[in-house]
Amino acid sequence: MWAVVDRIEGQRAVLELEDGDIVEIDKNHLPAGAKAGSVLRITLSLDREQEEKLRKRWEELRGQKEELT
């Protein structure tokens, strides 16, 4: 997947994805040297380790909530 940096406004970068969808991200997530007109390659991958950490944290928070009720 790819996207074009449409513009940077303050701390936000507006990207147009190859299918025409528009997304905004914090400009700190852009690679060094990216500017309006830059084409970015976007890849997605699963992070099972982080997923497990978040699941455990969610279960801890849910347990705390149940203790309060």
N, C-alpha and C. Protein backbone atom coordinates (compact mmCIF):
# COMPACT_ATOMS: atom_id res chain seq x y z
N MET A 1 0.86 -1.16 0.00
CA MET A 1 0.00 0.00 0.00
C MET A 1 0.91 1.23 0.00
N TRP A 2 0.44 2.29 -0.63
CA TRP A 2 1.20 3.52 -0.63
C TRP A 2 0.27 4.70 -0.35
N ALA A 3 0.89 5.82 0.02
CA ALA A 3 0.14 7.05 0.29
C ALA A 3 1.01 8.23 -0.12
N VAL A 4 0.35 9.32 -0.42
CA VAL A 4 1.04 10.58 -0.74
C VAL A 4 0.81 11.53 0.42
N VAL A 5 1.86 12.19 0.86
CA VAL A 5 1.71 13.23 1.87
C VAL A 5 1.04 14.42 1.18
N ASP A 6 -0.21 14.66 1.50
CA ASP A 6 -0.95 15.76 0.90
C ASP A 6 -0.47 17.10 1.45
N ARG A 7 -0.38 17.15 2.79
CA ARG A 7 0.07 18.39 3.42
C ARG A 7 0.42 18.10 4.87
N ILE A 8 1.15 19.03 5.45
CA ILE A 8 1.48 18.97 6.87
C ILE A 8 0.96 20.25 7.48
N GLU A 9 0.11 20.09 8.50
CA GLU A 9 -0.50 21.23 9.18
C GLU A 9 -0.17 21.13 10.67
N GLY A 10 0.73 21.97 11.12
CA GLY A 10 1.13 21.91 12.52
C GLY A 10 1.75 20.56 12.83
N GLN A 11 1.18 19.86 13.78
CA GLN A 11 1.70 18.55 14.17
C GLN A 11 1.06 17.40 13.39
N ARG A 12 0.13 17.68 12.48
CA ARG A 12 -0.60 16.66 11.75
C ARG A 12 -0.13 16.57 10.30
N ALA A 13 -0.04 15.34 9.81
CA ALA A 13 0.24 15.09 8.40
C ALA A 13 -1.02 14.48 7.79
N VAL A 14 -1.44 15.02 6.68
CA VAL A 14 -2.61 14.51 5.98
C VAL A 14 -2.11 13.65 4.81
N LEU A 15 -2.51 12.38 4.82
CA LEU A 15 -2.07 11.44 3.79
C LEU A 15 -3.26 11.03 2.93
N GLU A 16 -3.02 10.90 1.64
CA GLU A 16 -4.03 10.34 0.75
C GLU A 16 -3.56 8.95 0.36
N LEU A 17 -4.35 7.94 0.74
CA LEU A 17 -4.01 6.57 0.42
C LEU A 17 -4.28 6.29 -1.05
N GLU A 18 -3.69 5.22 -1.55
CA GLU A 18 -3.83 4.88 -2.96
C GLU A 18 -5.27 4.70 -3.40
N ASP A 19 -6.17 4.35 -2.47
CA ASP A 19 -7.58 4.19 -2.84
C ASP A 19 -8.38 5.48 -2.70
N GLY A 20 -7.70 6.57 -2.36
CA GLY A 20 -8.35 7.87 -2.25
C GLY A 20 -8.78 8.24 -0.85
N ASP A 21 -8.73 7.29 0.09
CA ASP A 21 -9.07 7.61 1.48
C ASP A 21 -8.05 8.60 2.04
N ILE A 22 -8.50 9.43 2.96
CA ILE A 22 -7.65 10.41 3.62
C ILE A 22 -7.48 10.01 5.08
N VAL A 23 -6.25 10.03 5.56
CA VAL A 23 -5.97 9.77 6.97
C VAL A 23 -5.04 10.86 7.50
N GLU A 24 -5.16 11.13 8.79
CA GLU A 24 -4.28 12.07 9.46
C GLU A 24 -3.46 11.32 10.49
N ILE A 25 -2.18 11.65 10.55
CA ILE A 25 -1.30 11.06 11.56
C ILE A 25 -0.45 12.17 12.16
N ASP A 26 0.13 11.90 13.30
CA ASP A 26 1.08 12.83 13.88
C ASP A 26 2.30 12.89 12.96
N LYS A 27 2.78 14.07 12.66
CA LYS A 27 3.89 14.19 11.71
C LYS A 27 5.16 13.51 12.21
N ASN A 28 5.24 13.25 13.52
CA ASN A 28 6.41 12.56 14.05
C ASN A 28 6.50 11.11 13.56
N HIS A 29 5.41 10.58 13.02
CA HIS A 29 5.42 9.21 12.49
C HIS A 29 5.93 9.16 11.04
N LEU A 30 6.13 10.31 10.44
CA LEU A 30 6.65 10.34 9.07
C LEU A 30 8.14 10.00 9.07
N PRO A 31 8.61 9.36 8.01
CA PRO A 31 10.05 9.11 7.92
C PRO A 31 10.81 10.42 7.71
N ALA A 32 12.06 10.43 8.10
CA ALA A 32 12.90 11.63 7.93
C ALA A 32 12.90 12.05 6.47
N GLY A 33 12.74 13.34 6.27
CA GLY A 33 12.78 13.90 4.92
C GLY A 33 11.45 13.93 4.20
N ALA A 34 10.41 13.34 4.78
CA ALA A 34 9.09 13.35 4.14
C ALA A 34 8.52 14.76 4.16
N LYS A 35 7.88 15.12 3.07
CA LYS A 35 7.25 16.44 2.95
C LYS A 35 6.06 16.31 2.02
N ALA A 36 5.33 17.39 1.83
CA ALA A 36 4.19 17.37 0.92
C ALA A 36 4.65 16.86 -0.44
N GLY A 37 3.91 15.91 -0.98
CA GLY A 37 4.25 15.31 -2.26
C GLY A 37 5.05 14.02 -2.15
N SER A 38 5.61 13.74 -0.97
CA SER A 38 6.36 12.50 -0.79
C SER A 38 5.42 11.30 -0.89
N VAL A 39 5.92 10.24 -1.51
CA VAL A 39 5.16 8.99 -1.59
C VAL A 39 5.72 8.04 -0.53
N LEU A 40 4.82 7.50 0.28
CA LEU A 40 5.21 6.62 1.37
C LEU A 40 4.74 5.20 1.10
N ARG A 41 5.59 4.23 1.35
CA ARG A 41 5.19 2.83 1.30
C ARG A 41 4.67 2.48 2.70
N ILE A 42 3.47 1.89 2.78
CA ILE A 42 2.86 1.55 4.06
C ILE A 42 2.70 0.04 4.13
N THR A 43 3.21 -0.55 5.20
CA THR A 43 3.04 -1.97 5.43
C THR A 43 2.40 -2.18 6.79
N LEU A 44 1.62 -3.22 6.90
CA LEU A 44 0.96 -3.58 8.15
C LEU A 44 1.37 -4.99 8.52
N SER A 45 1.54 -5.20 9.81
CA SER A 45 1.87 -6.54 10.27
C SER A 45 1.28 -6.75 11.66
N LEU A 46 1.03 -7.99 11.99
CA LEU A 46 0.52 -8.32 13.32
C LEU A 46 1.65 -8.30 14.33
N ASP A 47 1.34 -7.85 15.53
CA ASP A 47 2.31 -7.85 16.63
C ASP A 47 1.69 -8.67 17.75
N ARG A 48 1.90 -9.97 17.71
CA ARG A 48 1.28 -10.88 18.68
C ARG A 48 1.77 -10.60 20.10
N GLU A 49 3.04 -10.23 20.25
CA GLU A 49 3.58 -9.95 21.58
C GLU A 49 2.87 -8.76 22.21
N GLN A 50 2.73 -7.67 21.47
CA GLN A 50 2.04 -6.49 21.99
C GLN A 50 0.57 -6.78 22.23
N GLU A 51 -0.02 -7.57 21.35
CA GLU A 51 -1.43 -7.95 21.50
C GLU A 51 -1.65 -8.68 22.83
N GLU A 52 -0.74 -9.58 23.16
CA GLU A 52 -0.85 -10.33 24.42
C GLU A 52 -0.68 -9.41 25.63
N LYS A 53 0.27 -8.47 25.55
CA LYS A 53 0.46 -7.52 26.65
C LYS A 53 -0.79 -6.69 26.87
N LEU A 54 -1.39 -6.20 25.78
CA LEU A 54 -2.61 -5.39 25.90
C LEU A 54 -3.77 -6.21 26.43
N ARG A 55 -3.88 -7.48 25.99
CA ARG A 55 -4.95 -8.34 26.47
C ARG A 55 -4.83 -8.56 27.98
N LYS A 56 -3.61 -8.82 28.45
CA LYS A 56 -3.40 -9.01 29.88
C LYS A 56 -3.73 -7.75 30.67
N ARG A 57 -3.31 -6.60 30.14
CA ARG A 57 -3.60 -5.33 30.81
C ARG A 57 -5.10 -5.08 30.87
N TRP A 58 -5.80 -5.36 29.77
CA TRP A 58 -7.25 -5.18 29.73
C TRP A 58 -7.92 -6.07 30.77
N GLU A 59 -7.46 -7.32 30.88
CA GLU A 59 -8.04 -8.24 31.86
C GLU A 59 -7.79 -7.73 33.28
N GLU A 60 -6.59 -7.17 33.54
CA GLU A 60 -6.30 -6.61 34.86
C GLU A 60 -7.25 -5.46 35.17
N LEU A 61 -7.43 -4.57 34.21
CA LEU A 61 -8.32 -3.42 34.42
C LEU A 61 -9.76 -3.88 34.60
N ARG A 62 -10.18 -4.86 33.85
CA ARG A 62 -11.53 -5.38 33.98
C ARG A 62 -11.72 -6.00 35.37
N GLY A 63 -10.71 -6.70 35.86
CA GLY A 63 -10.78 -7.29 37.19
C GLY A 63 -10.89 -6.22 38.27
N GLN A 64 -10.15 -5.13 38.10
CA GLN A 64 -10.23 -4.03 39.07
C GLN A 64 -11.60 -3.40 39.06
N LYS A 65 -12.20 -3.27 37.90
CA LYS A 65 -13.53 -2.68 37.79
C LYS A 65 -14.55 -3.57 38.50
N GLU A 66 -14.43 -4.88 38.32
CA GLU A 66 -15.37 -5.80 38.95
C GLU A 66 -15.22 -5.75 40.48
N GLU A 67 -14.00 -5.52 40.99
CA GLU A 67 -13.80 -5.41 42.42
C GLU A 67 -14.49 -4.19 43.00
N LEU A 68 -14.65 -3.14 42.20
CA LEU A 68 -15.26 -1.90 42.67
C LEU A 68 -16.79 -1.99 42.70
N THR A 69 -17.35 -2.92 41.95
CA THR A 69 -18.82 -3.00 41.89
C THR A 69 -19.39 -3.95 42.89
